[in-house]
C-alpha atoms as a PDB file:
ATOM      1  CA  MET A   1     -54.393  67.569 284.916  1.00  0.00           C
ATOM      2  CA  ALA A   2     -52.238  67.569 281.781  1.00  0.00           C
ATOM      3  CA  ARG A   3     -54.403  66.911 278.707  1.00  0.00           C
ATOM      4  CA  ALA A   4     -53.460  66.076 275.174  1.00  0.00           C
ATOM      5  CA  PHE A   5     -55.460  65.716 271.975  1.00  0.00           C
ATOM      6  CA  VAL A   6     -55.023  62.827 269.723  1.00  0.00           C
ATOM      7  CA  LEU A   7     -56.340  63.096 266.123  1.00  0.00           C
ATOM      8  CA  GLY A   8     -57.410  60.124 264.171  1.00  0.00           C
ATOM      9  CA  ASN A   9     -58.590  60.879 260.558  1.00  0.00           C
ATOM     10  CA  GLY A  10     -62.245  60.091 260.832  1.00  0.00           C
ATOM     11  CA  LYS A  11     -64.636  62.651 259.262  1.00  0.00           C
ATOM     12  CA  SER A  12     -66.137  63.534 262.826  1.00  0.00           C
ATOM     13  CA  ARG A  13     -62.989  65.910 263.438  1.00  0.00           C
ATOM     14  CA  GLN A  14     -63.606  68.028 260.353  1.00  0.00           C
ATOM     15  CA  GLY A  15     -64.567  71.498 261.112  1.00  0.00           C
ATOM     16  CA  ILE A  16     -62.656  71.670 264.432  1.00  0.00           C
ATOM     17  CA  ASN A  17     -60.043  74.496 264.403  1.00  0.00           C
ATOM     18  CA  LEU A  18     -56.662  72.604 264.980  1.00  0.00           C
ATOM     19  CA  GLN A  19     -54.751  75.683 265.526  1.00  0.00           C
ATOM     20  CA  GLN A  20     -57.058  76.824 268.358  1.00  0.00           C
ATOM     21  CA  LEU A  21     -56.862  73.157 269.773  1.00  0.00           C
ATOM     22  CA  LYS A  22     -53.116  73.532 270.117  1.00  0.00           C
ATOM     23  CA  GLU A  23     -53.813  76.468 272.498  1.00  0.00           C
ATOM     24  CA  HIS A  24     -55.266  73.984 274.965  1.00  0.00           C
ATOM     25  CA  GLY A  25     -52.606  71.225 274.841  1.00  0.00           C
ATOM     26  CA  PRO A  26     -50.356  69.324 272.754  1.00  0.00           C
ATOM     27  CA  VAL A  27     -51.733  67.574 269.490  1.00  0.00           C
ATOM     28  CA  TYR A  28     -50.664  64.092 268.535  1.00  0.00           C
ATOM     29  CA  ALA A  29     -51.805  62.967 265.063  1.00  0.00           C
ATOM     30  CA  CYS A  30     -51.051  60.573 262.326  1.00  0.00           C
ATOM     31  CA  ASN A  31     -50.431  60.082 258.647  1.00  0.00           C
ATOM     32  CA  GLY A  32     -51.733  62.572 256.057  1.00  0.00           C
ATOM     33  CA  ILE A  33     -52.504  65.411 258.443  1.00  0.00           C
ATOM     34  CA  TYR A  34     -48.889  66.581 257.980  1.00  0.00           C
ATOM     35  CA  ARG A  35     -49.834  67.956 254.586  1.00  0.00           C
ATOM     36  CA  GLU A  36     -52.012  70.659 256.063  1.00  0.00           C
ATOM     37  CA  PHE A  37     -51.281  70.830 259.854  1.00  0.00           C
ATOM     38  CA  THR A  38     -48.195  70.471 262.117  1.00  0.00           C
ATOM     39  CA  PRO A  39     -49.083  68.510 265.266  1.00  0.00           C
ATOM     40  CA  ASP A  40     -46.791  68.390 268.216  1.00  0.00           C
ATOM     41  CA  CYS A  41     -46.195  64.693 267.475  1.00  0.00           C
ATOM     42  CA  LEU A  42     -46.791  62.975 264.159  1.00  0.00           C
ATOM     43  CA  VAL A  43     -47.023  59.050 263.721  1.00  0.00           C
ATOM     44  CA  ALA A  44     -47.162  56.822 260.781  1.00  0.00           C
ATOM     45  CA  THR A  45     -46.967  53.097 260.828  1.00  0.00           C
ATOM     46  CA  ASP A  46     -47.615  52.157 257.160  1.00  0.00           C
ATOM     47  CA  TRP A  47     -44.365  52.180 255.123  1.00  0.00           C
ATOM     48  CA  PRO A  48     -45.478  54.165 252.069  1.00  0.00           C
ATOM     49  CA  ILE A  49     -46.696  57.134 253.867  1.00  0.00           C
ATOM     50  CA  ALA A  50     -44.097  56.886 256.511  1.00  0.00           C
ATOM     51  CA  LYS A  51     -41.390  56.898 253.823  1.00  0.00           C
ATOM     52  CA  ALA A  52     -43.007  59.841 252.135  1.00  0.00           C
ATOM     53  CA  ILE A  53     -42.978  61.894 255.292  1.00  0.00           C
ATOM     54  CA  MET A  54     -39.341  61.108 255.977  1.00  0.00           C
ATOM     55  CA  ASP A  55     -38.441  61.878 252.255  1.00  0.00           C
ATOM     56  CA  SER A  56     -40.130  65.204 252.602  1.00  0.00           C
ATOM     57  CA  GLY A  57     -37.646  66.378 255.230  1.00  0.00           C
ATOM     58  CA  TYR A  58     -40.638  66.706 257.893  1.00  0.00           C
ATOM     59  CA  ALA A  59     -38.877  64.529 260.488  1.00  0.00           C
ATOM     60  CA  ASN A  60     -35.795  66.649 260.476  1.00  0.00           C
ATOM     61  CA  LYS A  61     -37.781  69.643 261.480  1.00  0.00           C
ATOM     62  CA  HIS A  62     -40.785  68.153 263.661  1.00  0.00           C
ATOM     63  CA  ARG A  63     -41.311  65.143 265.984  1.00  0.00           C
ATOM     64  CA  PHE A  64     -42.256  62.148 263.998  1.00  0.00           C
ATOM     65  CA  HIS A  65     -42.366  58.445 265.042  1.00  0.00           C
ATOM     66  CA  THR A  66     -42.410  55.383 262.859  1.00  0.00           C
ATOM     67  CA  ARG A  67     -41.693  51.626 262.754  1.00  0.00           C
ATOM     68  CA  ARG A  68     -38.551  51.914 260.520  1.00  0.00           C
ATOM     69  CA  ALA A  69     -36.659  55.157 260.687  1.00  0.00           C
ATOM     70  CA  ILE A  70     -34.581  56.003 257.618  1.00  0.00           C
ATOM     71  CA  ASP A  71     -30.998  57.027 258.884  1.00  0.00           C
ATOM     72  CA  GLY A  72     -30.545  60.607 258.768  1.00  0.00           C
ATOM     73  CA  SER A  73     -34.088  61.370 258.523  1.00  0.00           C
ATOM     74  CA  GLY A  74     -34.896  62.585 262.080  1.00  0.00           C
ATOM     75  CA  ALA A  75     -37.526  60.072 262.616  1.00  0.00           C
ATOM     76  CA  ARG A  76     -37.782  58.407 266.010  1.00  0.00           C
ATOM     77  CA  PRO A  77     -38.846  54.975 267.026  1.00  0.00           C
ATOM     78  CA  LEU A  78     -42.265  54.084 268.395  1.00  0.00           C
ATOM     79  CA  ILE A  79     -42.583  52.574 271.964  1.00  0.00           C
ATOM     80  CA  LYS A  80     -41.457  49.111 271.475  1.00  0.00           C
ATOM     81  CA  GLN A  81     -44.337  47.435 273.278  1.00  0.00           C
ATOM     82  CA  TYR A  82     -46.782  49.166 271.025  1.00  0.00           C
ATOM     83  CA  LYS A  83     -44.763  49.090 267.762  1.00  0.00           C
ATOM     84  CA  GLY A  84     -47.460  46.590 266.235  1.00  0.00           C
ATOM     85  CA  PHE A  85     -50.331  48.946 266.900  1.00  0.00           C
ATOM     86  CA  SER A  86     -51.785  51.117 264.131  1.00  0.00           C
ATOM     87  CA  SER A  87     -50.747  54.781 263.772  1.00  0.00           C
ATOM     88  CA  GLY A  88     -53.793  56.342 265.965  1.00  0.00           C
ATOM     89  CA  PRO A  89     -53.299  53.896 268.844  1.00  0.00           C
ATOM     90  CA  ASN A  90     -49.446  54.610 268.653  1.00  0.00           C
ATOM     91  CA  ALA A  91     -50.169  58.302 268.847  1.00  0.00           C
ATOM     92  CA  VAL A  92     -52.228  57.653 272.017  1.00  0.00           C
ATOM     93  CA  SER A  93     -49.375  55.415 273.409  1.00  0.00           C
ATOM     94  CA  LEU A  94     -46.983  58.351 272.964  1.00  0.00           C
ATOM     95  CA  ALA A  95     -49.326  60.813 274.648  1.00  0.00           C
ATOM     96  CA  LEU A  96     -49.593  58.431 277.494  1.00  0.00           C
ATOM     97  CA  SER A  97     -45.870  57.887 277.658  1.00  0.00           C
ATOM     98  CA  ASP A  98     -45.296  61.832 277.657  1.00  0.00           C
ATOM     99  CA  GLY A  99     -47.445  61.858 280.911  1.00  0.00           C
ATOM    100  CA  HIS A 100     -50.781  63.235 279.800  1.00  0.00           C
ATOM    101  CA  GLU A 101     -53.518  62.271 282.255  1.00  0.00           C
ATOM    102  CA  GLU A 102     -56.561  63.338 280.075  1.00  0.00           C
ATOM    103  CA  ILE A 103     -56.467  61.946 276.452  1.00  0.00           C
ATOM    104  CA  TYR A 104     -58.932  63.299 273.974  1.00  0.00           C
ATOM    105  CA  LEU A 105     -59.711  61.140 270.971  1.00  0.00           C
ATOM    106  CA  LEU A 106     -60.963  63.032 267.877  1.00  0.00           C
ATOM    107  CA  GLY A 107     -61.641  61.513 264.610  1.00  0.00           C
ATOM    108  CA  PHE A 108     -61.344  57.956 266.051  1.00  0.00           C
ATOM    109  CA  ASP A 109     -64.692  57.124 264.139  1.00  0.00           C
ATOM    110  CA  PHE A 110     -63.719  53.358 264.137  1.00  0.00           C
ATOM    111  CA  GLY A 111     -65.269  52.620 260.637  1.00  0.00           C
ATOM    112  CA  THR A 112     -68.372  54.106 259.655  1.00  0.00           C
ATOM    113  CA  GLN A 113     -72.220  53.604 260.102  1.00  0.00           C
ATOM    114  CA  GLN A 114     -73.429  50.508 258.283  1.00  0.00           C
ATOM    115  CA  GLY A 115     -73.827  50.678 254.635  1.00  0.00           C
ATOM    116  CA  GLN A 116     -71.628  53.787 254.173  1.00  0.00           C
ATOM    117  CA  GLN A 117     -68.272  54.159 252.472  1.00  0.00           C
ATOM    118  CA  PHE A 118     -64.691  54.671 253.597  1.00  0.00           C
ATOM    119  CA  ASN A 119     -64.581  57.203 256.506  1.00  0.00           C
ATOM    120  CA  ASN A 120     -61.345  59.261 256.215  1.00  0.00           C
ATOM    121  CA  VAL A 121     -60.740  62.960 255.582  1.00  0.00           C
ATOM    122  CA  TYR A 122     -57.903  62.082 253.220  1.00  0.00           C
ATOM    123  CA  ALA A 123     -59.860  59.663 251.130  1.00  0.00           C
ATOM    124  CA  ASP A 124     -59.091  59.927 247.430  1.00  0.00           C
ATOM    125  CA  THR A 125     -55.626  61.257 248.171  1.00  0.00           C
ATOM    126  CA  GLN A 126     -52.255  59.486 247.836  1.00  0.00           C
ATOM    127  CA  PHE A 127     -51.765  56.463 250.202  1.00  0.00           C
ATOM    128  CA  TYR A 128     -55.642  56.378 250.887  1.00  0.00           C
ATOM    129  CA  LYS A 129     -58.534  54.351 249.788  1.00  0.00           C
ATOM    130  CA  LYS A 130     -61.171  55.979 247.576  1.00  0.00           C
ATOM    131  CA  SER A 131     -64.218  57.643 249.280  1.00  0.00           C
ATOM    132  CA  SER A 132     -66.473  55.173 247.398  1.00  0.00           C
ATOM    133  CA  ASP A 133     -64.534  52.119 248.984  1.00  0.00           C
ATOM    134  CA  PRO A 134     -66.070  50.205 251.818  1.00  0.00           C
ATOM    135  CA  PRO A 135     -65.156  51.035 255.257  1.00  0.00           C
ATOM    136  CA  THR A 136     -61.816  50.004 256.747  1.00  0.00           C
ATOM    137  CA  PHE A 137     -62.049  47.044 259.453  1.00  0.00           C
ATOM    138  CA  ALA A 138     -61.861  48.822 262.852  1.00  0.00           C
ATOM    139  CA  GLY A 139     -61.702  45.753 265.085  1.00  0.00           C
ATOM    140  CA  ASN A 140     -57.872  46.199 265.597  1.00  0.00           C
ATOM    141  CA  TRP A 141     -58.090  49.975 266.391  1.00  0.00           C
ATOM    142  CA  ILE A 142     -60.934  49.216 269.001  1.00  0.00           C
ATOM    143  CA  ARG A 143     -58.835  46.284 270.529  1.00  0.00           C
ATOM    144  CA  GLN A 144     -55.768  48.455 270.778  1.00  0.00           C
ATOM    145  CA  ILE A 145     -57.385  51.502 272.249  1.00  0.00           C
ATOM    146  CA  ARG A 146     -59.138  49.173 274.887  1.00  0.00           C
ATOM    147  CA  GLU A 147     -55.731  47.680 275.741  1.00  0.00           C
ATOM    148  CA  LEU A 148     -54.350  51.145 276.245  1.00  0.00           C
ATOM    149  CA  CYS A 149     -57.255  52.198 278.557  1.00  0.00           C
ATOM    150  CA  GLN A 150     -56.629  49.047 280.490  1.00  0.00           C
ATOM    151  CA  ALA A 151     -52.999  49.383 280.697  1.00  0.00           C
ATOM    152  CA  TYR A 152     -53.339  53.059 281.988  1.00  0.00           C
ATOM    153  CA  PRO A 153     -56.334  52.807 284.540  1.00  0.00           C
ATOM    154  CA  ASN A 154     -55.397  56.222 286.198  1.00  0.00           C
ATOM    155  CA  ARG A 155     -55.769  58.058 283.030  1.00  0.00           C
ATOM    156  CA  VAL A 156     -58.997  59.369 281.524  1.00  0.00           C
ATOM    157  CA  PHE A 157     -59.885  58.742 277.860  1.00  0.00           C
ATOM    158  CA  TYR A 158     -62.429  61.066 276.315  1.00  0.00           C
ATOM    159  CA  ARG A 159     -63.749  59.994 272.877  1.00  0.00           C
ATOM    160  CA  VAL A 160     -65.184  63.019 271.046  1.00  0.00           C
ATOM    161  CA  MET A 161     -68.246  61.666 268.803  1.00  0.00           C
ATOM    162  CA  GLY A 162     -69.807  63.348 265.724  1.00  0.00           C
ATOM    163  CA  GLU A 163     -72.306  61.919 263.176  1.00  0.00           C
ATOM    164  CA  SER A 164     -69.861  59.570 261.536  1.00  0.00           C
ATOM    165  CA  THR A 165     -68.462  58.222 264.846  1.00  0.00           C
ATOM    166  CA  VAL A 166     -69.568  54.467 265.596  1.00  0.00           C
ATOM    167  CA  PHE A 167     -70.688  53.546 269.019  1.00  0.00           C
ATOM    168  CA  VAL A 168     -68.521  50.815 270.606  1.00  0.00           C
ATOM    169  CA  LYS A 169     -70.268  49.076 273.461  1.00  0.00           C
ATOM    170  CA  ASP A 170     -67.128  47.307 274.468  1.00  0.00           C
ATOM    171  CA  LEU A 171     -65.153  50.540 275.237  1.00  0.00           C
ATOM    172  CA  ASN A 172     -68.153  52.222 276.920  1.00  0.00           C
ATOM    173  CA  ALA A 173     -67.940  49.445 279.581  1.00  0.00           C
ATOM    174  CA  LEU A 174     -64.337  50.750 280.704  1.00  0.00           C
ATOM    175  CA  GLU A 175     -64.489  53.034 283.843  1.00  0.00           C
ATOM    176  CA  ASN A 176     -61.869  55.393 282.547  1.00  0.00           C
ATOM    177  CA  TYR A 177     -63.395  55.736 279.091  1.00  0.00           C
ATOM    178  CA  LYS A 178     -65.895  58.597 278.498  1.00  0.00           C
ATOM    179  CA  THR A 179     -67.719  60.043 275.455  1.00  0.00           C
ATOM    180  CA  MET A 180     -68.789  63.590 274.590  1.00  0.00           C
ATOM    181  CA  THR A 181     -70.382  65.127 271.474  1.00  0.00           C
ATOM    182  CA  VAL A 182     -68.056  67.279 269.144  1.00  0.00           C
ATOM    183  CA  GLU A 183     -70.389  70.191 270.202  1.00  0.00           C
ATOM    184  CA  GLN A 184     -69.771  69.588 273.925  1.00  0.00           C
ATOM    185  CA  PHE A 185     -66.063  69.374 273.382  1.00  0.00           C
ATOM    186  CA  THR A 186     -65.653  72.547 271.156  1.00  0.00           C
ATOM    187  CA  SER A 187     -68.023  74.402 273.514  1.00  0.00           C
ATOM    188  CA  SER A 188     -65.794  73.308 276.630  1.00  0.00           C
ATOM    189  CA  LEU A 189     -62.695  74.864 275.117  1.00  0.00           C
ATOM    190  CA  ASN A 190     -64.449  77.693 273.288  1.00  0.00           C
ATOM    191  CA  ILE A 191     -62.939  76.765 270.116  1.00  0.00           C
ATOM    192  CA  GLU A 192     -64.494  77.083 266.556  1.00  0.00           C
ATOM    193  CA  TYR A 193     -66.438  74.358 264.970  1.00  0.00           C
END
């Protein structure tokens, strides 16, 4: 089965060796990750960071998808059906469209445990909230991932869960959705964590 790894920016993916991950399949990712790592496909839906990515020249050298491409930037459109989705779910839709049958979701923490702050590896950097801010509402992300799971019933979605990952009962009810711990995931691929 062709597998792909889709990276959200939740803290649970910290410590996973992303270069080693690329040896096991293509990596789809979103937003600020381009500052430190080049995935096989990058997605940004929010205009300020999407514009910064295009202005940097990144999209002329690497695969990048966004809602509004600047002419000559090299950016590509999103899948029309999912254009309204957030960056992470759009990255998932592209992995599905590219034909991958096993989709591993890393850093899709969907907020944070109750009472904690903003859960994002890029907190306190340009285009992101402060680490002391309240968590981002995750309902739209959950709904969008559920919609993708339901639209592709013959694909398998594995959500890799760490200490900062929120359990989502609604997703666990889906037949093609499974969870595993970060330790199980890294051990199965023999990659550093």
